[in-house]
PDB file of N, CA and C in Angstrom:
ATOM      1  N   MET A   1      14.090  -7.935   9.046  1.00  0.00           N
ATOM      2  CA  MET A   1      13.138  -7.708  10.125  1.00  0.00           C
ATOM      3  C   MET A   1      11.894  -7.034   9.544  1.00  0.00           C
ATOM      4  N   ASN A   2      10.746  -7.570   9.826  1.00  0.00           N
ATOM      5  CA  ASN A   2       9.506  -7.035   9.297  1.00  0.00           C
ATOM      6  C   ASN A   2       8.991  -5.930  10.210  1.00  0.00           C
ATOM      7  N   GLU A   3       9.157  -4.674   9.792  1.00  0.00           N
ATOM      8  CA  GLU A   3       8.771  -3.515  10.605  1.00  0.00           C
ATOM      9  C   GLU A   3       7.284  -3.524  10.948  1.00  0.00           C
ATOM     10  N   ILE A   4       6.445  -3.833   9.981  1.00  0.00           N
ATOM     11  CA  ILE A   4       5.006  -3.749  10.209  1.00  0.00           C
ATOM     12  C   ILE A   4       4.559  -4.765  11.249  1.00  0.00           C
ATOM     13  N   ALA A   5       5.062  -5.981  11.165  1.00  0.00           N
ATOM     14  CA  ALA A   5       4.646  -7.023  12.103  1.00  0.00           C
ATOM     15  C   ALA A   5       5.139  -6.729  13.515  1.00  0.00           C
ATOM     16  N   LEU A   6       6.355  -6.207  13.650  1.00  0.00           N
ATOM     17  CA  LEU A   6       6.912  -5.988  14.984  1.00  0.00           C
ATOM     18  C   LEU A   6       6.494  -4.676  15.624  1.00  0.00           C
ATOM     19  N   TYR A   7       6.228  -3.677  14.818  1.00  0.00           N
ATOM     20  CA  TYR A   7       5.975  -2.345  15.368  1.00  0.00           C
ATOM     21  C   TYR A   7       4.740  -1.715  14.760  1.00  0.00           C
ATOM     22  N   ASN A   8       3.638  -2.392  14.806  1.00  0.00           N
ATOM     23  CA  ASN A   8       2.399  -1.821  14.319  1.00  0.00           C
ATOM     24  C   ASN A   8       1.826  -0.943  15.427  1.00  0.00           C
ATOM     25  N   LEU A   9       2.021   0.366  15.291  1.00  0.00           N
ATOM     26  CA  LEU A   9       1.660   1.296  16.357  1.00  0.00           C
ATOM     27  C   LEU A   9       0.239   1.815  16.234  1.00  0.00           C
ATOM     28  N   THR A  10      -0.529   1.310  15.289  1.00  0.00           N
ATOM     29  CA  THR A  10      -1.871   1.838  15.087  1.00  0.00           C
ATOM     30  C   THR A  10      -2.875   1.309  16.104  1.00  0.00           C
ATOM     31  N   PHE A  11      -2.535   0.256  16.822  1.00  0.00           N
ATOM     32  CA  PHE A  11      -3.511  -0.333  17.739  1.00  0.00           C
ATOM     33  C   PHE A  11      -3.117  -0.217  19.202  1.00  0.00           C
ATOM     34  N   ALA A  12      -1.946   0.308  19.507  1.00  0.00           N
ATOM     35  CA  ALA A  12      -1.496   0.289  20.898  1.00  0.00           C
ATOM     36  C   ALA A  12      -0.774   1.579  21.260  1.00  0.00           C
ATOM     37  N   LEU A  13      -1.496   2.669  21.336  1.00  0.00           N
ATOM     38  CA  LEU A  13      -0.874   3.927  21.735  1.00  0.00           C
ATOM     39  C   LEU A  13      -0.737   3.989  23.252  1.00  0.00           C
ATOM     40  N   PRO A  14       0.330   4.623  23.750  1.00  0.00           N
ATOM     41  CA  PRO A  14       0.454   4.778  25.202  1.00  0.00           C
ATOM     42  C   PRO A  14      -0.532   5.814  25.719  1.00  0.00           C
ATOM     43  N   THR A  15      -0.782   5.766  27.007  1.00  0.00           N
ATOM     44  CA  THR A  15      -1.648   6.736  27.669  1.00  0.00           C
ATOM     45  C   THR A  15      -0.792   7.878  28.214  1.00  0.00           C
ATOM     46  N   CYS A  16      -1.287   9.100  28.099  1.00  0.00           N
ATOM     47  CA  CYS A  16      -0.583  10.277  28.613  1.00  0.00           C
ATOM     48  C   CYS A  16      -0.861  10.410  30.110  1.00  0.00           C
ATOM     49  N   ALA A  17       0.188  10.566  30.911  1.00  0.00           N
ATOM     50  CA  ALA A  17       0.023  10.697  32.362  1.00  0.00           C
ATOM     51  C   ALA A  17      -0.504  12.078  32.748  1.00  0.00           C
ATOM     52  N   VAL A  18      -0.392  13.058  31.854  1.00  0.00           N
ATOM     53  CA  VAL A  18      -0.853  14.417  32.156  1.00  0.00           C
ATOM     54  C   VAL A  18      -2.357  14.544  31.956  1.00  0.00           C
ATOM     55  N   CYS A  19      -2.855  14.117  30.770  1.00  0.00           N
ATOM     56  CA  CYS A  19      -4.283  14.279  30.479  1.00  0.00           C
ATOM     57  C   CYS A  19      -5.070  12.970  30.578  1.00  0.00           C
ATOM     58  N   ASN A  20      -4.387  11.849  30.833  1.00  0.00           N
ATOM     59  CA  ASN A  20      -5.008  10.535  31.023  1.00  0.00           C
ATOM     60  C   ASN A  20      -5.817  10.064  29.809  1.00  0.00           C
ATOM     61  N   LYS A  21      -5.365  10.446  28.613  1.00  0.00           N
ATOM     62  CA  LYS A  21      -5.968   9.997  27.362  1.00  0.00           C
ATOM     63  C   LYS A  21      -4.869   9.367  26.521  1.00  0.00           C
ATOM     64  N   LEU A  22      -5.250   8.742  25.413  1.00  0.00           N
ATOM     65  CA  LEU A  22      -4.243   8.225  24.492  1.00  0.00           C
ATOM     66  C   LEU A  22      -3.435   9.383  23.933  1.00  0.00           C
ATOM     67  N   VAL A  23      -2.147   9.177  23.724  1.00  0.00           N
ATOM     68  CA  VAL A  23      -1.325  10.249  23.157  1.00  0.00           C
ATOM     69  C   VAL A  23      -1.804  10.558  21.749  1.00  0.00           C
ATOM     70  N   ASP A  24      -1.528  11.788  21.299  1.00  0.00           N
ATOM     71  CA  ASP A  24      -1.982  12.218  19.975  1.00  0.00           C
ATOM     72  C   ASP A  24      -1.314  11.422  18.862  1.00  0.00           C
ATOM     73  N   LYS A  25      -0.025  11.138  19.035  1.00  0.00           N
ATOM     74  CA  LYS A  25       0.724  10.489  17.956  1.00  0.00           C
ATOM     75  C   LYS A  25       1.971   9.855  18.540  1.00  0.00           C
ATOM     76  N   ILE A  26       2.427   8.783  17.915  1.00  0.00           N
ATOM     77  CA  ILE A  26       3.707   8.193  18.290  1.00  0.00           C
ATOM     78  C   ILE A  26       4.469   7.850  17.020  1.00  0.00           C
ATOM     79  N   ASP A  27       5.750   8.202  17.001  1.00  0.00           N
ATOM     80  CA  ASP A  27       6.626   7.901  15.874  1.00  0.00           C
ATOM     81  C   ASP A  27       7.659   6.889  16.343  1.00  0.00           C
ATOM     82  N   SER A  28       8.182   6.117  15.404  1.00  0.00           N
ATOM     83  CA  SER A  28       9.286   5.231  15.737  1.00  0.00           C
ATOM     84  C   SER A  28      10.263   5.220  14.577  1.00  0.00           C
ATOM     85  N   MET A  29      11.532   5.096  14.923  1.00  0.00           N
ATOM     86  CA  MET A  29      12.575   5.013  13.901  1.00  0.00           C
ATOM     87  C   MET A  29      13.753   4.237  14.459  1.00  0.00           C
ATOM     88  N   TYR A  30      14.479   3.594  13.561  1.00  0.00           N
ATOM     89  CA  TYR A  30      15.652   2.839  13.961  1.00  0.00           C
ATOM     90  C   TYR A  30      16.834   3.792  14.121  1.00  0.00           C
ATOM     91  N   LEU A  31      17.594   3.652  15.199  1.00  0.00           N
ATOM     92  CA  LEU A  31      18.780   4.455  15.444  1.00  0.00           C
ATOM     93  C   LEU A  31      20.007   3.546  15.425  1.00  0.00           C
ATOM     94  N   PRO A  32      20.755   3.534  14.329  1.00  0.00           N
ATOM     95  CA  PRO A  32      21.910   2.648  14.266  1.00  0.00           C
ATOM     96  C   PRO A  32      22.986   2.987  15.295  1.00  0.00           C
ATOM     97  N   ASP A  33      23.093   4.255  15.689  1.00  0.00           N
ATOM     98  CA  ASP A  33      24.083   4.638  16.700  1.00  0.00           C
ATOM     99  C   ASP A  33      23.823   3.971  18.048  1.00  0.00           C
ATOM    100  N   TYR A  34      22.562   3.736  18.357  1.00  0.00           N
ATOM    101  CA  TYR A  34      22.183   3.119  19.631  1.00  0.00           C
ATOM    102  C   TYR A  34      21.795   1.658  19.469  1.00  0.00           C
ATOM    103  N   ASP A  35      21.770   1.173  18.223  1.00  0.00           N
ATOM    104  CA  ASP A  35      21.321  -0.182  17.920  1.00  0.00           C
ATOM    105  C   ASP A  35      19.974  -0.455  18.586  1.00  0.00           C
ATOM    106  N   GLY A  36      19.024   0.416  18.306  1.00  0.00           N
ATOM    107  CA  GLY A  36      17.700   0.265  18.891  1.00  0.00           C
ATOM    108  C   GLY A  36      16.692   1.143  18.190  1.00  0.00           C
ATOM    109  N   LYS A  37      15.492   1.162  18.721  1.00  0.00           N
ATOM    110  CA  LYS A  37      14.399   1.948  18.168  1.00  0.00           C
ATOM    111  C   LYS A  37      14.128   3.141  19.075  1.00  0.00           C
ATOM    112  N   LEU A  38      13.901   4.287  18.446  1.00  0.00           N
ATOM    113  CA  LEU A  38      13.461   5.486  19.151  1.00  0.00           C
ATOM    114  C   LEU A  38      11.951   5.554  19.023  1.00  0.00           C
ATOM    115  N   PHE A  39      11.272   5.657  20.143  1.00  0.00           N
ATOM    116  CA  PHE A  39       9.826   5.874  20.160  1.00  0.00           C
ATOM    117  C   PHE A  39       9.605   7.292  20.675  1.00  0.00           C
ATOM    118  N   ARG A  40       8.849   8.095  19.923  1.00  0.00           N
ATOM    119  CA  ARG A  40       8.609   9.494  20.288  1.00  0.00           C
ATOM    120  C   ARG A  40       7.103   9.708  20.405  1.00  0.00           C
ATOM    121  N   ALA A  41       6.647  10.026  21.623  1.00  0.00           N
ATOM    122  CA  ALA A  41       5.230  10.272  21.878  1.00  0.00           C
ATOM    123  C   ALA A  41       4.961  11.771  21.825  1.00  0.00           C
ATOM    124  N   HIS A  42       3.820  12.153  21.232  1.00  0.00           N
ATOM    125  CA  HIS A  42       3.408  13.550  21.113  1.00  0.00           C
ATOM    126  C   HIS A  42       2.050  13.717  21.793  1.00  0.00           C
ATOM    127  N   CYS A  43       1.946  14.696  22.679  1.00  0.00           N
ATOM    128  CA  CYS A  43       0.660  14.993  23.314  1.00  0.00           C
ATOM    129  C   CYS A  43       0.742  16.367  23.969  1.00  0.00           C
ATOM    130  N   HIS A  44      -0.341  17.111  23.957  1.00  0.00           N
ATOM    131  CA  HIS A  44      -0.494  18.435  24.551  1.00  0.00           C
ATOM    132  C   HIS A  44       0.711  19.363  24.308  1.00  0.00           C
ATOM    133  N   GLY A  45       1.218  19.345  23.068  1.00  0.00           N
ATOM    134  CA  GLY A  45       2.311  20.233  22.688  1.00  0.00           C
ATOM    135  C   GLY A  45       3.689  19.824  23.170  1.00  0.00           C
ATOM    136  N   LYS A  46       3.838  18.663  23.745  1.00  0.00           N
ATOM    137  CA  LYS A  46       5.129  18.161  24.233  1.00  0.00           C
ATOM    138  C   LYS A  46       5.474  16.869  23.507  1.00  0.00           C
ATOM    139  N   THR A  47       6.760  16.532  23.550  1.00  0.00           N
ATOM    140  CA  THR A  47       7.203  15.238  23.027  1.00  0.00           C
ATOM    141  C   THR A  47       8.052  14.550  24.077  1.00  0.00           C
ATOM    142  N   GLU A  48       8.020  13.225  24.059  1.00  0.00           N
ATOM    143  CA  GLU A  48       8.848  12.434  24.952  1.00  0.00           C
ATOM    144  C   GLU A  48       9.503  11.330  24.131  1.00  0.00           C
ATOM    145  N   ASP A  49      10.806  11.158  24.323  1.00  0.00           N
ATOM    146  CA  ASP A  49      11.570  10.150  23.596  1.00  0.00           C
ATOM    147  C   ASP A  49      11.942   9.000  24.514  1.00  0.00           C
ATOM    148  N   TYR A  50      11.922   7.795  23.943  1.00  0.00           N
ATOM    149  CA  TYR A  50      12.372   6.622  24.667  1.00  0.00           C
ATOM    150  C   TYR A  50      13.086   5.709  23.678  1.00  0.00           C
ATOM    151  N   ILE A  51      14.266   5.247  24.031  1.00  0.00           N
ATOM    152  CA  ILE A  51      15.029   4.346  23.167  1.00  0.00           C
ATOM    153  C   ILE A  51      14.970   2.940  23.748  1.00  0.00           C
ATOM    154  N   LEU A  52      14.577   2.015  22.911  1.00  0.00           N
ATOM    155  CA  LEU A  52      14.482   0.615  23.299  1.00  0.00           C
ATOM    156  C   LEU A  52      15.558  -0.139  22.526  1.00  0.00           C
ATOM    157  N   GLY A  53      16.507  -0.725  23.242  1.00  0.00           N
ATOM    158  CA  GLY A  53      17.625  -1.418  22.615  1.00  0.00           C
ATOM    159  C   GLY A  53      17.212  -2.689  21.894  1.00  0.00           C
ATOM    160  N   SER A  54      17.986  -3.054  20.888  1.00  0.00           N
ATOM    161  CA  SER A  54      17.638  -4.230  20.084  1.00  0.00           C
ATOM    162  C   SER A  54      17.715  -5.523  20.902  1.00  0.00           C
ATOM    163  N   TYR A  55      18.648  -5.608  21.855  1.00  0.00           N
ATOM    164  CA  TYR A  55      18.728  -6.821  22.673  1.00  0.00           C
ATOM    165  C   TYR A  55      17.511  -6.959  23.579  1.00  0.00           C
ATOM    166  N   THR A  56      17.007  -5.858  24.061  1.00  0.00           N
ATOM    167  CA  THR A  56      15.784  -5.898  24.863  1.00  0.00           C
ATOM    168  C   THR A  56      14.621  -6.395  24.017  1.00  0.00           C
ATOM    169  N   MET A  57      14.543  -5.907  22.784  1.00  0.00           N
ATOM    170  CA  MET A  57      13.456  -6.335  21.901  1.00  0.00           C
ATOM    171  C   MET A  57      13.580  -7.810  21.524  1.00  0.00           C
ATOM    172  N   LEU A  58      14.808  -8.274  21.338  1.00  0.00           N
ATOM    173  CA  LEU A  58      15.006  -9.684  20.986  1.00  0.00           C
ATOM    174  C   LEU A  58      14.655 -10.613  22.142  1.00  0.00           C
ATOM    175  N   ASP A  59      14.952 -10.197  23.371  1.00  0.00           N
ATOM    176  CA  ASP A  59      14.693 -11.028  24.547  1.00  0.00           C
ATOM    177  C   ASP A  59      13.242 -10.979  25.008  1.00  0.00           C
ATOM    178  N   ALA A  60      12.513  -9.964  24.586  1.00  0.00           N
ATOM    179  CA  ALA A  60      11.154  -9.764  25.086  1.00  0.00           C
ATOM    180  C   ALA A  60      10.165 -10.702  24.400  1.00  0.00           C
ATOM    181  N   ILE A  61       9.224 -11.178  25.167  1.00  0.00           N
ATOM    182  CA  ILE A  61       8.126 -11.962  24.618  1.00  0.00           C
ATOM    183  C   ILE A  61       7.088 -11.015  24.034  1.00  0.00           C
ATOM    184  N   GLU A  62       6.872  -9.908  24.742  1.00  0.00           N
ATOM    185  CA  GLU A  62       5.898  -8.916  24.300  1.00  0.00           C
ATOM    186  C   GLU A  62       6.374  -7.538  24.751  1.00  0.00           C
ATOM    187  N   ILE A  63       6.179  -6.542  23.905  1.00  0.00           N
ATOM    188  CA  ILE A  63       6.521  -5.168  24.251  1.00  0.00           C
ATOM    189  C   ILE A  63       5.241  -4.355  24.195  1.00  0.00           C
ATOM    190  N   THR A  64       4.903  -3.720  25.303  1.00  0.00           N
ATOM    191  CA  THR A  64       3.692  -2.904  25.360  1.00  0.00           C
ATOM    192  C   THR A  64       4.040  -1.506  25.850  1.00  0.00           C
ATOM    193  N   PHE A  65       3.193  -0.559  25.527  1.00  0.00           N
ATOM    194  CA  PHE A  65       3.372   0.812  25.988  1.00  0.00           C
ATOM    195  C   PHE A  65       2.740   0.987  27.355  1.00  0.00           C
ATOM    196  N   GLY A  66       3.314   1.880  28.134  1.00  0.00           N
ATOM    197  CA  GLY A  66       2.753   2.238  29.430  1.00  0.00           C
ATOM    198  C   GLY A  66       2.274   3.678  29.394  1.00  0.00           C
ATOM    199  N   LYS A  67       2.598   4.427  30.428  1.00  0.00           N
ATOM    200  CA  LYS A  67       2.224   5.842  30.521  1.00  0.00           C
ATOM    201  C   LYS A  67       3.345   6.703  29.949  1.00  0.00           C
ATOM    202  N   ALA A  68       2.981   7.662  29.135  1.00  0.00           N
ATOM    203  CA  ALA A  68       3.933   8.639  28.621  1.00  0.00           C
ATOM    204  C   ALA A  68       3.877   9.884  29.505  1.00  0.00           C
ATOM    205  N   PHE A  69       4.952  10.624  29.535  1.00  0.00           N
ATOM    206  CA  PHE A  69       5.055  11.891  30.259  1.00  0.00           C
ATOM    207  C   PHE A  69       4.960  11.726  31.771  1.00  0.00           C
ATOM    208  N   THR A  70       5.491  10.629  32.285  1.00  0.00           N
ATOM    209  CA  THR A  70       5.522  10.456  33.740  1.00  0.00           C
ATOM    210  C   THR A  70       6.788  11.028  34.342  1.00  0.00           C
ATOM    211  N   ALA A  71       7.818  11.249  33.523  1.00  0.00           N
ATOM    212  CA  ALA A  71       9.083  11.809  34.007  1.00  0.00           C
ATOM    213  C   ALA A  71       9.315  13.166  33.326  1.00  0.00           C
ATOM    214  N   PRO A  72       9.035  14.279  33.996  1.00  0.00           N
ATOM    215  CA  PRO A  72       9.114  15.596  33.365  1.00  0.00           C
ATOM    216  C   PRO A  72      10.485  15.929  32.771  1.00  0.00           C
ATOM    217  N   GLN A  73      11.563  15.367  33.298  1.00  0.00           N
ATOM    218  CA  GLN A  73      12.878  15.694  32.771  1.00  0.00           C
ATOM    219  C   GLN A  73      13.111  15.122  31.371  1.00  0.00           C
ATOM    220  N   LEU A  74      12.272  14.187  30.933  1.00  0.00           N
ATOM    221  CA  LEU A  74      12.442  13.589  29.612  1.00  0.00           C
ATOM    222  C   LEU A  74      11.592  14.281  28.540  1.00  0.00           C
ATOM    223  N   THR A  75      10.791  15.252  28.907  1.00  0.00           N
ATOM    224  CA  THR A  75       9.915  15.904  27.941  1.00  0.00           C
ATOM    225  C   THR A  75      10.545  17.180  27.424  1.00  0.00           C
ATOM    226  N   ARG A  76      10.081  17.583  26.269  1.00  0.00           N
ATOM    227  CA  ARG A  76      10.494  18.862  25.697  1.00  0.00           C
ATOM    228  C   ARG A  76       9.359  19.406  24.870  1.00  0.00           C
ATOM    229  N   ASP A  77       9.408  20.714  24.561  1.00  0.00           N
ATOM    230  CA  ASP A  77       8.384  21.314  23.738  1.00  0.00           C
ATOM    231  C   ASP A  77       8.492  20.775  22.321  1.00  0.00           C
ATOM    232  N   ALA A  78       7.363  20.543  21.699  1.00  0.00           N
ATOM    233  CA  ALA A  78       7.364  20.049  20.327  1.00  0.00           C
ATOM    234  C   ALA A  78       7.843  21.143  19.392  1.00  0.00           C
ATOM    235  N   PRO A  79       8.568  20.759  18.338  1.00  0.00           N
ATOM    236  CA  PRO A  79       9.058  21.773  17.383  1.00  0.00           C
ATOM    237  C   PRO A  79       7.946  22.377  16.571  1.00  0.00           C
TER     238      PRO A  79
END
């Protein structure tokens, strides 16, 4: 699987629902325990994690980012 072609995050950052700007940074990593990718958004001193399963990615025609930090229970303070 070509990581760069499938997950080039330099051109499509999600928008932060709190400050309504692009998030400061987004990380992604493969999680073999969940058989999917972890996407971690960073903005205004908080982080939000989202796991996207491999079957969802295989079935999808296109994967785009939406708003980050819309669900307060999923956020935590950045380390």
